[in-house]
Amino acid sequence: MAHAAPASGARSGMAGRSPDVFSPQVHTAARYGIPVVLGLVYGYWAAANRRGGGEITGWNILFGFVTALAFIVLCLAVATFAPMLKRELHSLVKSAFAGAAIGFLYSQTGESVLRSAALGVAVAAGIFGVFFYRYYTREDGEGNRIR
């Protein structure tokens, strides 16, 4: 009994890429669900940093939810618009968002603005290096995926 040869990657349109095992509905749910979950965690973390182990107040809860909402909106904006940019700016926008988020969290602990900014810049620089390398090795100069 002869077995059929598997379709080659070039003929099936998937040269060098793994098959997508998730449905479009799962991708849509993840596109909005992940920023919401991250935003809620971020808002809780910022509120906890701000209260410094003290009692939970209504203002603290409001601060957490407003922080979460701001994070969610900015995260969705970065996820939507950053991929439209060239790889350098794409990396810069994502790393700047991460650096600013970490710097803001650190500032809620009561540390100085300079230390918070320095931490944010250090995190942004590290993340920029990782993202730039990733996009540089997987995109051509026009931003088209090569792998």
Protein backbone atom coordinates (compact mmCIF):
# COMPACT_ATOMS: atom_id res chain seq x y z
CA MET A 1 0.00 0.00 0.00
CA ALA A 2 1.54 3.27 -1.11
CA HIS A 3 1.42 6.27 1.17
CA ALA A 4 0.79 9.70 -0.24
CA ALA A 5 3.74 12.02 0.11
CA PRO A 6 3.07 15.01 2.33
CA ALA A 7 2.58 18.29 0.56
CA SER A 8 5.74 20.34 0.50
CA GLY A 9 5.80 23.68 2.31
CA ALA A 10 6.18 25.61 -0.95
CA ARG A 11 3.18 23.94 -2.58
CA SER A 12 0.91 24.35 0.41
CA GLY A 13 1.75 28.06 0.83
CA MET A 14 3.39 27.54 4.22
CA ALA A 15 7.07 27.59 3.34
CA GLY A 16 8.97 27.71 6.61
CA ARG A 17 5.92 28.49 8.74
CA SER A 18 4.09 26.38 11.28
CA PRO A 19 0.40 25.72 10.71
CA ASP A 20 -2.04 27.92 12.61
CA VAL A 21 -3.92 25.66 15.00
CA PHE A 22 -6.24 28.34 16.37
CA SER A 23 -9.43 29.53 14.75
CA PRO A 24 -10.04 33.19 13.84
CA GLN A 25 -12.38 33.46 16.85
CA VAL A 26 -9.57 32.44 19.21
CA HIS A 27 -7.27 35.01 17.65
CA THR A 28 -9.91 37.73 18.06
CA ALA A 29 -10.55 36.76 21.68
CA ALA A 30 -6.82 36.80 22.42
CA ARG A 31 -6.34 40.13 20.61
CA TYR A 32 -8.66 41.84 23.07
CA GLY A 33 -8.57 39.47 26.04
CA ILE A 34 -4.82 39.56 26.64
CA PRO A 35 -4.61 43.39 26.90
CA VAL A 36 -7.63 43.41 29.22
CA VAL A 37 -6.14 40.79 31.54
CA LEU A 38 -2.73 42.48 31.48
CA GLY A 39 -4.40 45.84 32.15
CA LEU A 40 -6.29 44.53 35.16
CA VAL A 41 -3.14 43.00 36.60
CA TYR A 42 -1.24 46.22 35.89
CA GLY A 43 -3.94 48.36 37.53
CA TYR A 44 -3.99 46.16 40.62
CA TRP A 45 -0.19 46.26 40.81
CA ALA A 46 -0.10 50.07 40.48
CA ALA A 47 -2.78 50.48 43.15
CA ALA A 48 -0.96 48.10 45.48
CA ASN A 49 2.30 49.99 44.97
CA ARG A 50 0.57 53.29 45.67
CA ARG A 51 -1.06 52.21 48.91
CA GLY A 52 2.22 50.70 50.15
CA GLY A 53 0.64 48.00 52.30
CA GLY A 54 -1.90 50.35 53.86
CA GLU A 55 -5.64 49.94 53.84
CA ILE A 56 -7.57 49.72 50.62
CA THR A 57 -9.68 52.81 50.02
CA GLY A 58 -12.20 53.80 47.39
CA TRP A 59 -9.70 56.21 45.87
CA ASN A 60 -7.15 53.41 45.65
CA ILE A 61 -9.63 51.18 43.83
CA LEU A 62 -10.54 54.03 41.48
CA PHE A 63 -6.86 54.66 40.79
CA GLY A 64 -6.38 50.98 39.97
CA PHE A 65 -9.27 50.88 37.52
CA VAL A 66 -8.31 54.15 35.82
CA THR A 67 -4.73 52.90 35.50
CA ALA A 68 -6.00 49.59 34.10
CA LEU A 69 -8.21 51.39 31.57
CA ALA A 70 -5.34 53.61 30.42
CA PHE A 71 -3.06 50.59 30.08
CA ILE A 72 -5.65 48.65 28.08
CA VAL A 73 -6.29 51.53 25.67
CA LEU A 74 -2.58 52.19 25.13
CA CYS A 75 -1.78 48.49 24.78
CA LEU A 76 -4.47 48.07 22.11
CA ALA A 77 -3.25 51.19 20.30
CA VAL A 78 0.34 49.96 20.30
CA ALA A 79 -0.73 46.48 19.15
CA THR A 80 -2.84 47.98 16.36
CA PHE A 81 -0.60 50.72 15.01
CA ALA A 82 2.99 49.64 15.76
CA PRO A 83 3.02 46.81 13.16
CA MET A 84 2.24 49.39 10.46
CA LEU A 85 5.59 51.10 11.11
CA LYS A 86 9.06 50.22 9.84
CA ARG A 87 10.89 47.70 12.01
CA GLU A 88 12.95 50.37 13.82
CA LEU A 89 9.93 52.46 14.81
CA HIS A 90 7.90 49.32 15.49
CA SER A 91 10.54 48.24 18.00
CA LEU A 92 10.82 51.73 19.46
CA VAL A 93 7.07 52.14 20.03
CA LYS A 94 6.69 48.78 21.75
CA SER A 95 9.79 49.24 23.91
CA ALA A 96 8.81 52.81 24.84
CA PHE A 97 5.41 51.56 25.98
CA ALA A 98 7.01 48.83 28.11
CA GLY A 99 9.61 51.21 29.57
CA ALA A 100 7.00 53.85 30.42
CA ALA A 101 4.77 51.20 32.01
CA ILE A 102 7.58 49.90 34.23
CA GLY A 103 8.74 53.42 35.09
CA PHE A 104 5.21 54.40 36.12
CA LEU A 105 4.84 51.30 38.29
CA TYR A 106 8.14 52.05 40.00
CA SER A 107 7.16 55.68 40.55
CA GLN A 108 4.11 54.53 42.52
CA THR A 109 6.39 53.05 45.19
CA GLY A 110 7.46 56.55 46.25
CA GLU A 111 10.90 56.47 44.64
CA SER A 112 12.28 59.57 42.95
CA VAL A 113 11.26 60.53 39.44
CA LEU A 114 14.88 60.20 38.28
CA ARG A 115 15.17 56.60 39.49
CA SER A 116 11.81 55.76 37.91
CA ALA A 117 12.85 57.34 34.62
CA ALA A 118 16.22 55.59 34.69
CA LEU A 119 14.57 52.21 35.27
CA GLY A 120 12.06 52.90 32.48
CA VAL A 121 14.83 53.86 30.05
CA ALA A 122 16.90 50.80 30.98
CA VAL A 123 13.93 48.48 30.46
CA ALA A 124 13.03 50.20 27.18
CA ALA A 125 16.61 49.87 25.91
CA GLY A 126 16.72 46.15 26.69
CA ILE A 127 13.36 45.47 25.13
CA PHE A 128 14.25 47.57 22.09
CA GLY A 129 17.29 45.38 21.51
CA VAL A 130 15.22 42.21 21.68
CA PHE A 131 12.41 43.47 19.43
CA PHE A 132 14.77 45.06 16.92
CA TYR A 133 16.74 41.84 16.61
CA ARG A 134 13.54 39.85 16.18
CA TYR A 135 12.13 42.14 13.49
CA TYR A 136 15.51 42.61 11.78
CA THR A 137 16.00 38.87 11.39
CA ARG A 138 12.43 38.14 10.27
CA GLU A 139 11.56 41.09 7.99
CA ASP A 140 13.04 42.70 4.92
CA GLY A 141 13.65 46.46 4.69
CA GLU A 142 10.02 47.13 3.75
CA GLY A 143 8.60 45.18 6.70
CA ASN A 144 7.57 42.03 4.81
CA ARG A 145 8.08 38.76 6.67
CA ILE A 146 10.82 36.61 5.23
CA ARG A 147 10.24 33.56 7.47
